[in-house]
Amino acid sequence: MKKIAFIFLFMVLLVTSNIPSASAQCAMCTVSAEQSVKNGNTQGKGLNTGIIYLLAIPYLLITGMGILWYVKFRKKNTDQVFNISE
């Protein structure tokens, strides 16, 4: 179990170490973000960071549910193996 957790943590750190900037906003948001960056504001960067957070959270939740399902399924199979051999 510790090995799986270590591999998972390593993969998460590897993926999040180089996150590209998101640039897929609607036309009005893109213009607003570009104008604010030209004027010295950092609202565009904050907008892109918010999009990354909104994109990442569902994937993290699905990954966590998959890990929980795998751990429970694996435990059930090992219990069945021991019951059959007795």
Protein backbone atom coordinates (compact mmCIF):
# COMPACT_ATOMS: atom_id res chain seq x y z
CA MET A 1 0.00 0.00 0.00
CA LYS A 2 2.84 2.40 0.80
CA LYS A 3 4.40 1.70 -2.58
CA ILE A 4 1.15 2.53 -4.41
CA ALA A 5 0.74 5.75 -2.40
CA PHE A 6 4.35 6.74 -3.15
CA ILE A 7 3.91 6.08 -6.88
CA PHE A 8 0.63 8.05 -6.91
CA LEU A 9 2.19 10.99 -5.08
CA PHE A 10 5.20 10.95 -7.40
CA MET A 11 2.96 10.98 -10.48
CA VAL A 12 0.85 13.86 -9.12
CA LEU A 13 3.98 15.89 -8.39
CA LEU A 14 5.38 15.08 -11.82
CA VAL A 15 2.20 16.16 -13.61
CA THR A 16 1.73 19.35 -11.58
CA SER A 17 5.37 20.45 -11.80
CA ASN A 18 4.94 21.77 -15.33
CA ILE A 19 1.39 23.07 -15.79
CA PRO A 20 0.99 25.07 -19.01
CA SER A 21 -1.08 28.24 -18.99
CA ALA A 22 -4.67 27.81 -20.09
CA SER A 23 -5.66 30.11 -22.91
CA ALA A 24 -9.15 28.92 -23.80
CA GLN A 25 -11.46 31.62 -22.53
CA CYS A 26 -14.44 33.13 -24.25
CA ALA A 27 -13.80 36.10 -26.54
CA MET A 28 -14.82 38.71 -23.96
CA CYS A 29 -12.72 37.15 -21.21
CA THR A 30 -9.71 36.90 -23.53
CA VAL A 31 -9.90 40.58 -24.48
CA SER A 32 -10.36 41.61 -20.86
CA ALA A 33 -7.43 39.47 -19.70
CA GLU A 34 -5.14 40.74 -22.48
CA GLN A 35 -5.98 44.39 -21.75
CA SER A 36 -5.45 43.95 -18.02
CA VAL A 37 -2.04 42.32 -18.57
CA LYS A 38 -1.00 45.20 -20.86
CA ASN A 39 -1.99 47.65 -18.13
CA GLY A 40 0.13 45.82 -15.56
CA ASN A 41 -2.62 43.91 -13.74
CA THR A 42 -2.38 40.20 -13.01
CA GLN A 43 -6.06 39.37 -13.48
CA GLY A 44 -5.36 37.35 -16.62
CA LYS A 45 -2.95 35.11 -14.78
CA GLY A 46 -5.49 34.63 -12.00
CA LEU A 47 -8.16 33.76 -14.56
CA ASN A 48 -5.92 31.10 -16.09
CA THR A 49 -5.06 29.69 -12.66
CA GLY A 50 -8.77 29.46 -11.80
CA ILE A 51 -9.43 27.54 -15.01
CA ILE A 52 -6.66 25.07 -14.15
CA TYR A 53 -8.16 24.53 -10.67
CA LEU A 54 -11.62 23.96 -12.11
CA LEU A 55 -10.18 21.48 -14.57
CA ALA A 56 -8.03 19.58 -12.06
CA ILE A 57 -10.52 18.99 -9.23
CA PRO A 58 -12.82 16.52 -11.06
CA TYR A 59 -9.83 14.50 -12.23
CA LEU A 60 -8.44 14.33 -8.70
CA LEU A 61 -11.80 13.21 -7.33
CA ILE A 62 -12.18 10.49 -9.97
CA THR A 63 -8.62 9.32 -9.33
CA GLY A 64 -9.28 9.12 -5.58
CA MET A 65 -12.46 7.13 -6.14
CA GLY A 66 -10.57 4.78 -8.45
CA ILE A 67 -7.87 4.19 -5.85
CA LEU A 68 -10.46 3.50 -3.15
CA TRP A 69 -12.30 1.08 -5.44
CA TYR A 70 -9.03 -0.69 -6.30
CA VAL A 71 -8.03 -1.06 -2.65
CA LYS A 72 -11.44 -2.44 -1.65
CA PHE A 73 -11.61 -4.77 -4.66
CA ARG A 74 -8.10 -6.09 -3.99
CA LYS A 75 -8.92 -6.69 -0.32
CA LYS A 76 -12.10 -8.58 -1.25
CA ASN A 77 -10.18 -10.83 -3.65
CA THR A 78 -7.52 -11.70 -1.08
CA ASP A 79 -10.23 -12.59 1.45
CA GLN A 80 -11.91 -14.87 -1.09
CA VAL A 81 -8.63 -16.63 -1.87
CA PHE A 82 -8.04 -17.40 1.81
CA ASN A 83 -11.63 -18.65 2.30
CA ILE A 84 -11.42 -21.01 -0.68
CA SER A 85 -8.14 -22.59 0.44
CA GLU A 86 -9.42 -23.44 3.93
